C-alpha atoms as a PDB file:
ATOM      1  CA  MET A   1     -56.985   1.308  13.075  1.00  0.00           C
ATOM      2  CA  PRO A   2     -54.106  -0.991  14.457  1.00  0.00           C
ATOM      3  CA  LEU A   3     -50.952  -1.034  12.397  1.00  0.00           C
ATOM      4  CA  THR A   4     -48.694  -3.909  11.621  1.00  0.00           C
ATOM      5  CA  ALA A   5     -45.153  -4.235  12.545  1.00  0.00           C
ATOM      6  CA  ALA A   6     -44.041  -5.086   9.012  1.00  0.00           C
ATOM      7  CA  THR A   7     -45.096  -1.687   8.046  1.00  0.00           C
ATOM      8  CA  THR A   8     -44.525   0.447  11.190  1.00  0.00           C
ATOM      9  CA  PRO A   9     -41.063   1.319  11.608  1.00  0.00           C
ATOM     10  CA  LEU A  10     -40.221   3.172  14.982  1.00  0.00           C
ATOM     11  CA  ALA A  11     -38.598   6.599  15.175  1.00  0.00           C
ATOM     12  CA  LEU A  12     -36.723   6.861  18.604  1.00  0.00           C
ATOM     13  CA  ILE A  13     -35.812  10.633  19.485  1.00  0.00           C
ATOM     14  CA  VAL A  14     -33.067  11.174  21.937  1.00  0.00           C
ATOM     15  CA  PRO A  15     -31.814  14.593  22.652  1.00  0.00           C
ATOM     16  CA  CYS A  16     -28.314  15.023  23.872  1.00  0.00           C
ATOM     17  CA  TYR A  17     -26.834  17.668  26.207  1.00  0.00           C
ATOM     18  CA  ASN A  18     -23.418  17.179  27.849  1.00  0.00           C
ATOM     19  CA  PRO A  19     -23.943  13.317  28.296  1.00  0.00           C
ATOM     20  CA  LEU A  20     -21.961  11.117  30.693  1.00  0.00           C
ATOM     21  CA  PRO A  21     -18.974   9.459  29.352  1.00  0.00           C
ATOM     22  CA  GLY A  22     -19.904   6.119  27.761  1.00  0.00           C
ATOM     23  CA  TRP A  23     -22.996   7.355  26.531  1.00  0.00           C
ATOM     24  CA  ALA A  24     -22.584   5.929  22.924  1.00  0.00           C
ATOM     25  CA  PRO A  25     -21.837   2.288  23.764  1.00  0.00           C
ATOM     26  CA  ASN A  26     -24.942   2.361  26.202  1.00  0.00           C
ATOM     27  CA  VAL A  27     -27.081   3.770  23.449  1.00  0.00           C
ATOM     28  CA  LEU A  28     -25.980   0.521  21.297  1.00  0.00           C
ATOM     29  CA  GLU A  29     -26.607  -1.684  24.375  1.00  0.00           C
ATOM     30  CA  SER A  30     -30.018  -0.427  25.199  1.00  0.00           C
ATOM     31  CA  LEU A  31     -31.169  -0.600  21.470  1.00  0.00           C
ATOM     32  CA  ALA A  32     -29.675  -4.160  21.463  1.00  0.00           C
ATOM     33  CA  ARG A  33     -31.873  -5.225  24.402  1.00  0.00           C
ATOM     34  CA  LEU A  34     -34.791  -3.309  22.918  1.00  0.00           C
ATOM     35  CA  GLN A  35     -34.981  -5.087  19.421  1.00  0.00           C
ATOM     36  CA  PRO A  36     -36.009  -8.438  20.548  1.00  0.00           C
ATOM     37  CA  LEU A  37     -38.841  -7.066  22.507  1.00  0.00           C
ATOM     38  CA  LEU A  38     -40.330  -5.346  19.613  1.00  0.00           C
ATOM     39  CA  PRO A  39     -42.592  -7.281  16.965  1.00  0.00           C
ATOM     40  CA  VAL A  40     -40.360  -9.257  14.434  1.00  0.00           C
ATOM     41  CA  GLY A  41     -39.593  -7.028  11.574  1.00  0.00           C
ATOM     42  CA  THR A  42     -39.817  -3.542  13.318  1.00  0.00           C
ATOM     43  CA  GLU A  43     -37.172  -1.172  12.083  1.00  0.00           C
ATOM     44  CA  VAL A  44     -35.972   1.324  14.649  1.00  0.00           C
ATOM     45  CA  HIS A  45     -34.487   4.612  13.361  1.00  0.00           C
ATOM     46  CA  LEU A  46     -32.455   6.590  15.916  1.00  0.00           C
ATOM     47  CA  TYR A  47     -32.726  10.495  15.866  1.00  0.00           C
ATOM     48  CA  LEU A  48     -29.989  11.806  18.126  1.00  0.00           C
ATOM     49  CA  VAL A  49     -30.239  15.567  18.552  1.00  0.00           C
ATOM     50  CA  ASN A  50     -27.299  17.321  20.096  1.00  0.00           C
ATOM     51  CA  ASP A  51     -28.851  20.263  22.022  1.00  0.00           C
ATOM     52  CA  GLY A  52     -25.645  22.468  21.839  1.00  0.00           C
ATOM     53  CA  SER A  53     -23.487  20.276  24.152  1.00  0.00           C
ATOM     54  CA  ALA A  54     -20.084  21.813  25.104  1.00  0.00           C
ATOM     55  CA  GLN A  55     -18.618  18.455  26.017  1.00  0.00           C
ATOM     56  CA  SER A  56     -18.798  14.448  25.848  1.00  0.00           C
ATOM     57  CA  VAL A  57     -20.091  14.487  22.280  1.00  0.00           C
ATOM     58  CA  ALA A  58     -17.219  13.486  19.973  1.00  0.00           C
ATOM     59  CA  ALA A  59     -17.207  12.764  16.305  1.00  0.00           C
ATOM     60  CA  ALA A  60     -16.051   9.310  17.199  1.00  0.00           C
ATOM     61  CA  ASP A  61     -19.194   8.718  19.292  1.00  0.00           C
ATOM     62  CA  VAL A  62     -21.420   9.785  16.444  1.00  0.00           C
ATOM     63  CA  GLU A  63     -19.491   7.749  13.814  1.00  0.00           C
ATOM     64  CA  LEU A  64     -19.673   4.677  16.165  1.00  0.00           C
ATOM     65  CA  LEU A  65     -23.459   4.920  15.931  1.00  0.00           C
ATOM     66  CA  ARG A  66     -23.586   5.729  12.549  1.00  0.00           C
ATOM     67  CA  ALA A  67     -21.639   2.409  11.777  1.00  0.00           C
ATOM     68  CA  ALA A  68     -23.644   0.359  14.029  1.00  0.00           C
ATOM     69  CA  LEU A  69     -27.160   1.459  13.364  1.00  0.00           C
ATOM     70  CA  PRO A  70     -29.028   0.818  10.052  1.00  0.00           C
ATOM     71  CA  GLY A  71     -31.377   3.838  10.653  1.00  0.00           C
ATOM     72  CA  PHE A  72     -29.532   6.769  12.158  1.00  0.00           C
ATOM     73  CA  THR A  73     -29.961  10.524  11.727  1.00  0.00           C
ATOM     74  CA  TYR A  74     -27.724  13.015  13.748  1.00  0.00           C
ATOM     75  CA  LEU A  75     -29.113  16.778  14.234  1.00  0.00           C
ATOM     76  CA  THR A  76     -26.994  19.259  16.112  1.00  0.00           C
ATOM     77  CA  TYR A  77     -26.923  22.985  16.488  1.00  0.00           C
ATOM     78  CA  PRO A  78     -24.601  25.198  18.598  1.00  0.00           C
ATOM     79  CA  ALA A  79     -26.324  26.618  21.488  1.00  0.00           C
ATOM     80  CA  ASN A  80     -28.358  24.869  24.009  1.00  0.00           C
ATOM     81  CA  ARG A  81     -32.151  25.411  23.681  1.00  0.00           C
ATOM     82  CA  GLY A  82     -33.757  22.885  25.904  1.00  0.00           C
ATOM     83  CA  LYS A  83     -35.103  19.337  25.704  1.00  0.00           C
ATOM     84  CA  GLY A  84     -38.506  20.364  24.331  1.00  0.00           C
ATOM     85  CA  TYR A  85     -36.738  22.576  21.496  1.00  0.00           C
ATOM     86  CA  ALA A  86     -34.596  19.682  20.853  1.00  0.00           C
ATOM     87  CA  LEU A  87     -37.413  16.934  20.791  1.00  0.00           C
ATOM     88  CA  ARG A  88     -39.221  19.160  18.377  1.00  0.00           C
ATOM     89  CA  VAL A  89     -36.313  19.418  15.986  1.00  0.00           C
ATOM     90  CA  GLY A  90     -35.981  15.563  15.980  1.00  0.00           C
ATOM     91  CA  ALA A  91     -39.804  15.023  15.403  1.00  0.00           C
ATOM     92  CA  ALA A  92     -39.931  17.454  12.528  1.00  0.00           C
ATOM     93  CA  ALA A  93     -37.210  15.353  10.870  1.00  0.00           C
ATOM     94  CA  THR A  94     -38.979  12.098  11.251  1.00  0.00           C
ATOM     95  CA  HIS A  95     -41.033  10.233   8.669  1.00  0.00           C
ATOM     96  CA  GLU A  96     -42.177   7.096  10.743  1.00  0.00           C
ATOM     97  CA  PRO A  97     -45.673   6.625  11.675  1.00  0.00           C
ATOM     98  CA  ILE A  98     -44.801   6.011  15.229  1.00  0.00           C
ATOM     99  CA  CYS A  99     -42.325   8.052  17.405  1.00  0.00           C
ATOM    100  CA  LEU A 100     -41.079   7.644  20.830  1.00  0.00           C
ATOM    101  CA  PHE A 101     -38.579   9.779  22.848  1.00  0.00           C
ATOM    102  CA  THR A 102     -36.492   8.910  25.898  1.00  0.00           C
ATOM    103  CA  ASP A 103     -33.324  10.393  27.617  1.00  0.00           C
ATOM    104  CA  ILE A 104     -29.730   9.724  26.492  1.00  0.00           C
ATOM    105  CA  ASP A 105     -29.023   7.410  29.241  1.00  0.00           C
ATOM    106  CA  PHE A 106     -32.012   5.250  28.351  1.00  0.00           C
ATOM    107  CA  PRO A 107     -33.107   5.190  32.067  1.00  0.00           C
ATOM    108  CA  TYR A 108     -36.409   3.240  31.494  1.00  0.00           C
ATOM    109  CA  GLN A 109     -36.481  -0.543  31.397  1.00  0.00           C
ATOM    110  CA  GLU A 110     -36.387  -1.729  27.785  1.00  0.00           C
ATOM    111  CA  PRO A 111     -39.885  -3.589  28.196  1.00  0.00           C
ATOM    112  CA  SER A 112     -41.231  -0.278  29.158  1.00  0.00           C
ATOM    113  CA  VAL A 113     -40.064   1.202  26.059  1.00  0.00           C
ATOM    114  CA  ALA A 114     -41.585  -1.744  24.180  1.00  0.00           C
ATOM    115  CA  ALA A 115     -44.979  -1.307  25.982  1.00  0.00           C
ATOM    116  CA  VAL A 116     -45.177   2.357  24.714  1.00  0.00           C
ATOM    117  CA  TYR A 117     -44.540   1.245  21.292  1.00  0.00           C
ATOM    118  CA  ARG A 118     -47.002  -1.521  21.311  1.00  0.00           C
ATOM    119  CA  THR A 119     -49.734   0.710  22.854  1.00  0.00           C
ATOM    120  CA  LEU A 120     -49.457   2.983  19.856  1.00  0.00           C
ATOM    121  CA  LEU A 121     -49.135   0.134  17.356  1.00  0.00           C
ATOM    122  CA  SER A 122     -52.452  -1.305  18.780  1.00  0.00           C
ATOM    123  CA  GLY A 123     -54.209   2.008  17.413  1.00  0.00           C
ATOM    124  CA  LYS A 124     -55.819   2.479  20.945  1.00  0.00           C
ATOM    125  CA  ALA A 125     -54.038   5.868  21.529  1.00  0.00           C
ATOM    126  CA  ASP A 126     -52.591   8.762  19.683  1.00  0.00           C
ATOM    127  CA  LEU A 127     -50.342   9.698  22.742  1.00  0.00           C
ATOM    128  CA  ALA A 128     -48.875   7.194  24.982  1.00  0.00           C
ATOM    129  CA  VAL A 129     -47.716   8.578  28.175  1.00  0.00           C
ATOM    130  CA  GLY A 130     -45.325   6.759  30.367  1.00  0.00           C
ATOM    131  CA  VAL A 131     -46.228   7.021  34.166  1.00  0.00           C
ATOM    132  CA  ARG A 132     -43.866   6.074  37.095  1.00  0.00           C
ATOM    133  CA  ASP A 133     -45.116   3.978  40.067  1.00  0.00           C
ATOM    134  CA  ALA A 134     -44.432   4.921  43.916  1.00  0.00           C
ATOM    135  CA  ASP A 135     -41.207   3.006  43.919  1.00  0.00           C
ATOM    136  CA  TYR A 136     -39.702   5.723  41.294  1.00  0.00           C
ATOM    137  CA  TYR A 137     -39.632   8.299  44.027  1.00  0.00           C
ATOM    138  CA  VAL A 138     -37.812   6.281  46.551  1.00  0.00           C
ATOM    139  CA  HIS A 139     -34.631   6.752  44.493  1.00  0.00           C
ATOM    140  CA  VAL A 140     -35.227  10.405  43.624  1.00  0.00           C
ATOM    141  CA  PRO A 141     -33.328  13.113  45.576  1.00  0.00           C
ATOM    142  CA  LYS A 142     -35.686  15.094  48.025  1.00  0.00           C
ATOM    143  CA  ALA A 143     -35.633  18.315  46.086  1.00  0.00           C
ATOM    144  CA  ARG A 144     -36.641  16.661  42.810  1.00  0.00           C
ATOM    145  CA  ARG A 145     -39.180  14.592  44.643  1.00  0.00           C
ATOM    146  CA  ARG A 146     -40.766  17.613  46.249  1.00  0.00           C
ATOM    147  CA  VAL A 147     -41.061  19.389  42.736  1.00  0.00           C
ATOM    148  CA  SER A 148     -42.295  16.165  41.198  1.00  0.00           C
ATOM    149  CA  ASN A 149     -45.211  15.968  43.984  1.00  0.00           C
ATOM    150  CA  LEU A 150     -46.156  19.501  43.826  1.00  0.00           C
ATOM    151  CA  LEU A 151     -46.468  19.347  39.977  1.00  0.00           C
ATOM    152  CA  ARG A 152     -48.610  16.429  39.964  1.00  0.00           C
ATOM    153  CA  GLY A 153     -50.731  17.762  42.498  1.00  0.00           C
ATOM    154  CA  LEU A 154     -51.259  21.045  40.520  1.00  0.00           C
ATOM    155  CA  THR A 155     -51.698  18.943  37.320  1.00  0.00           C
ATOM    156  CA  ARG A 156     -54.444  16.876  38.868  1.00  0.00           C
ATOM    157  CA  ASN A 157     -56.230  19.503  40.737  1.00  0.00           C
ATOM    158  CA  LEU A 158     -55.967  22.749  38.761  1.00  0.00           C
ATOM    159  CA  LEU A 159     -55.523  21.557  35.088  1.00  0.00           C
ATOM    160  CA  ARG A 160     -57.661  18.294  35.451  1.00  0.00           C
ATOM    161  CA  LEU A 161     -55.413  16.444  32.758  1.00  0.00           C
ATOM    162  CA  PRO A 162     -56.110  12.855  32.144  1.00  0.00           C
ATOM    163  CA  VAL A 163     -52.465  11.850  33.353  1.00  0.00           C
ATOM    164  CA  SER A 164     -51.060  13.630  36.398  1.00  0.00           C
ATOM    165  CA  ASP A 165     -47.493  12.340  35.708  1.00  0.00           C
ATOM    166  CA  THR A 166     -46.664  14.522  33.021  1.00  0.00           C
ATOM    167  CA  GLN A 167     -42.838  14.605  33.272  1.00  0.00           C
ATOM    168  CA  CYS A 168     -42.047  10.961  32.718  1.00  0.00           C
ATOM    169  CA  GLY A 169     -39.172  10.867  29.992  1.00  0.00           C
ATOM    170  CA  LEU A 170     -40.810   8.342  28.095  1.00  0.00           C
ATOM    171  CA  LYS A 171     -43.510   9.075  25.567  1.00  0.00           C
ATOM    172  CA  GLY A 172     -44.719   8.273  22.156  1.00  0.00           C
ATOM    173  CA  PHE A 173     -47.185   9.451  19.555  1.00  0.00           C
ATOM    174  CA  ASN A 174     -48.606   8.604  16.101  1.00  0.00           C
ATOM    175  CA  ALA A 175     -48.634  10.952  13.082  1.00  0.00           C
ATOM    176  CA  GLY A 176     -51.579  12.945  14.736  1.00  0.00           C
ATOM    177  CA  GLY A 177     -49.775  13.128  18.040  1.00  0.00           C
ATOM    178  CA  ARG A 178     -46.640  14.308  16.163  1.00  0.00           C
ATOM    179  CA  ASP A 179     -48.535  17.058  14.517  1.00  0.00           C
ATOM    180  CA  LEU A 180     -49.871  18.301  17.780  1.00  0.00           C
ATOM    181  CA  PHE A 181     -46.271  17.851  19.541  1.00  0.00           C
ATOM    182  CA  LEU A 182     -44.865  20.139  16.882  1.00  0.00           C
ATOM    183  CA  LYS A 183     -47.311  22.954  17.836  1.00  0.00           C
ATOM    184  CA  THR A 184     -45.940  23.229  21.420  1.00  0.00           C
ATOM    185  CA  THR A 185     -43.666  26.083  22.285  1.00  0.00           C
ATOM    186  CA  THR A 186     -42.238  25.212  25.486  1.00  0.00           C
ATOM    187  CA  ASN A 187     -38.386  24.759  25.263  1.00  0.00           C
ATOM    188  CA  ARG A 188     -37.372  23.185  28.813  1.00  0.00           C
ATOM    189  CA  TYR A 189     -38.824  21.319  31.587  1.00  0.00           C
ATOM    190  CA  LEU A 190     -42.623  21.649  31.251  1.00  0.00           C
ATOM    191  CA  PHE A 191     -42.951  20.793  27.332  1.00  0.00           C
ATOM    192  CA  ASP A 192     -44.505  17.510  28.240  1.00  0.00           C
ATOM    193  CA  LEU A 193     -47.143  19.225  30.334  1.00  0.00           C
ATOM    194  CA  GLU A 194     -47.896  21.435  27.481  1.00  0.00           C
ATOM    195  CA  LEU A 195     -48.289  18.736  24.890  1.00  0.00           C
ATOM    196  CA  ILE A 196     -50.685  16.714  27.338  1.00  0.00           C
ATOM    197  CA  PHE A 197     -52.675  19.903  28.010  1.00  0.00           C
ATOM    198  CA  LEU A 198     -53.017  20.349  24.209  1.00  0.00           C
ATOM    199  CA  ALA A 199     -54.123  16.815  23.753  1.00  0.00           C
ATOM    200  CA  SER A 200     -56.636  17.134  26.457  1.00  0.00           C
ATOM    201  CA  ARG A 201     -58.267  19.981  24.612  1.00  0.00           C
ATOM    202  CA  GLN A 202     -58.654  17.912  21.306  1.00  0.00           C
ATOM    203  CA  LYS A 203     -61.691  15.592  21.458  1.00  0.00           C
ATOM    204  CA  GLN A 204     -60.193  13.342  18.667  1.00  0.00           C
ATOM    205  CA  MET A 205     -56.912  12.928  20.553  1.00  0.00           C
ATOM    206  CA  ARG A 206     -56.849   9.852  22.600  1.00  0.00           C
ATOM    207  CA  VAL A 207     -54.244   9.875  25.532  1.00  0.00           C
ATOM    208  CA  LEU A 208     -53.235   6.524  27.361  1.00  0.00           C
ATOM    209  CA  ALA A 209     -51.202   6.163  30.421  1.00  0.00           C
ATOM    210  CA  VAL A 210     -48.669   3.232  30.235  1.00  0.00           C
ATOM    211  CA  PRO A 211     -46.738   2.254  33.371  1.00  0.00           C
ATOM    212  CA  VAL A 212     -43.014   2.182  33.255  1.00  0.00           C
ATOM    213  CA  GLU A 213     -40.166   1.228  35.274  1.00  0.00           C
ATOM    214  CA  LEU A 214     -36.839   2.891  35.777  1.00  0.00           C
ATOM    215  CA  LYS A 215     -33.621   0.995  35.605  1.00  0.00           C
ATOM    216  CA  PRO A 216     -31.533   0.536  38.728  1.00  0.00           C
ATOM    217  CA  GLY A 217     -28.750   2.958  39.321  1.00  0.00           C
ATOM    218  CA  VAL A 218     -29.901   5.829  37.313  1.00  0.00           C
ATOM    219  CA  VAL A 219     -28.214   9.106  38.322  1.00  0.00           C
ATOM    220  CA  PHE A 220     -30.504  12.173  38.533  1.00  0.00           C
ATOM    221  CA  SER A 221     -29.144  15.646  37.536  1.00  0.00           C
ATOM    222  CA  ALA A 222     -29.812  18.395  39.897  1.00  0.00           C
ATOM    223  CA  LEU A 223     -32.639  20.798  39.461  1.00  0.00           C
ATOM    224  CA  ASN A 224     -31.595  24.325  38.472  1.00  0.00           C
ATOM    225  CA  PRO A 225     -33.399  26.903  40.571  1.00  0.00           C
ATOM    226  CA  ARG A 226     -33.481  29.334  37.701  1.00  0.00           C
ATOM    227  CA  ILE A 227     -35.025  26.713  35.287  1.00  0.00           C
ATOM    228  CA  LEU A 228     -37.640  26.112  38.085  1.00  0.00           C
ATOM    229  CA  LEU A 229     -38.503  29.913  38.181  1.00  0.00           C
ATOM    230  CA  THR A 230     -38.782  29.871  34.452  1.00  0.00           C
ATOM    231  CA  GLU A 231     -41.138  27.135  34.260  1.00  0.00           C
ATOM    232  CA  GLY A 232     -43.234  28.482  36.930  1.00  0.00           C
ATOM    233  CA  SER A 233     -44.151  31.145  34.520  1.00  0.00           C
ATOM    234  CA  THR A 234     -44.771  28.303  31.926  1.00  0.00           C
ATOM    235  CA  PHE A 235     -47.148  26.492  34.215  1.00  0.00           C
ATOM    236  CA  MET A 236     -48.959  29.787  34.840  1.00  0.00           C
ATOM    237  CA  ARG A 237     -49.227  30.323  31.186  1.00  0.00           C
ATOM    238  CA  ILE A 238     -50.701  26.983  30.533  1.00  0.00           C
ATOM    239  CA  PHE A 239     -52.907  27.305  33.655  1.00  0.00           C
ATOM    240  CA  LEU A 240     -54.323  30.739  32.537  1.00  0.00           C
ATOM    241  CA  LYS A 241     -54.771  29.014  29.029  1.00  0.00           C
ATOM    242  CA  SER A 242     -56.902  26.366  30.661  1.00  0.00           C
ATOM    243  CA  LEU A 243     -59.323  28.890  32.295  1.00  0.00           C
ATOM    244  CA  ALA A 244     -59.658  30.489  28.964  1.00  0.00           C
ATOM    245  CA  THR A 245     -60.645  27.434  27.122  1.00  0.00           C
ATOM    246  CA  GLY A 246     -62.874  26.344  30.200  1.00  0.00           C
ATOM    247  CA  ARG A 247     -64.752  29.538  29.705  1.00  0.00           C
ATOM    248  CA  ARG A 248     -65.121  29.098  25.959  1.00  0.00           C
ATOM    249  CA  LYS A 249     -66.684  25.672  26.758  1.00  0.00           C
ATOM    250  CA  LYS A 250     -69.333  27.014  28.974  1.00  0.00           C
ATOM    251  CA  ARG A 251     -70.477  29.506  26.602  1.00  0.00           C
END
């Protein structure tokens, strides 16, 4: 059933690890642009998860957000654990019926964020997955573009998931999707892939792709080769699980 904006506040979960200077004012500016695009009366609660940052997260930044935002929760722990871990910490703390997550630099256009929220508000999806168009890859460094294209090909041809663009940093879910997300175990790059894989194995879980657009001038971080090696084993774990579930379905 569709929800109504008056009774459907939005939890926005944002992980934070060594952000660029000026990140806190940028968060407030992005939220200010987002609010008018949401249905009138929508309350937005920001859950900021400090994933063991060693720099650029000062007490003054946190207090700036706390003073400016009616709904704000700050979660932190000392050691870096990865984006997937940070988002599970944030999701576990939410109580709103709709949750979205994005990156600390708010890289996606605010109308795209609103579109993900409205998709869930309509009741047509349990998991709304942002998908990027071809223009996105024009601005991506070659190494990251190669990795993204390789992963999309593997996802489409080996895992046969309903959405091949699993790594877009803008997604959302309702209460059922949140419960499923909390069952994921991947801490770093491929946590999104694991979530969509688990959703694809749940008959009652509805997954919808939502086209999203990147803001101009977004700076991409370099891919760490060590993380790529680790996530290669993560992909193999998910792939082997897909083979096992496929065999069970055939019996």
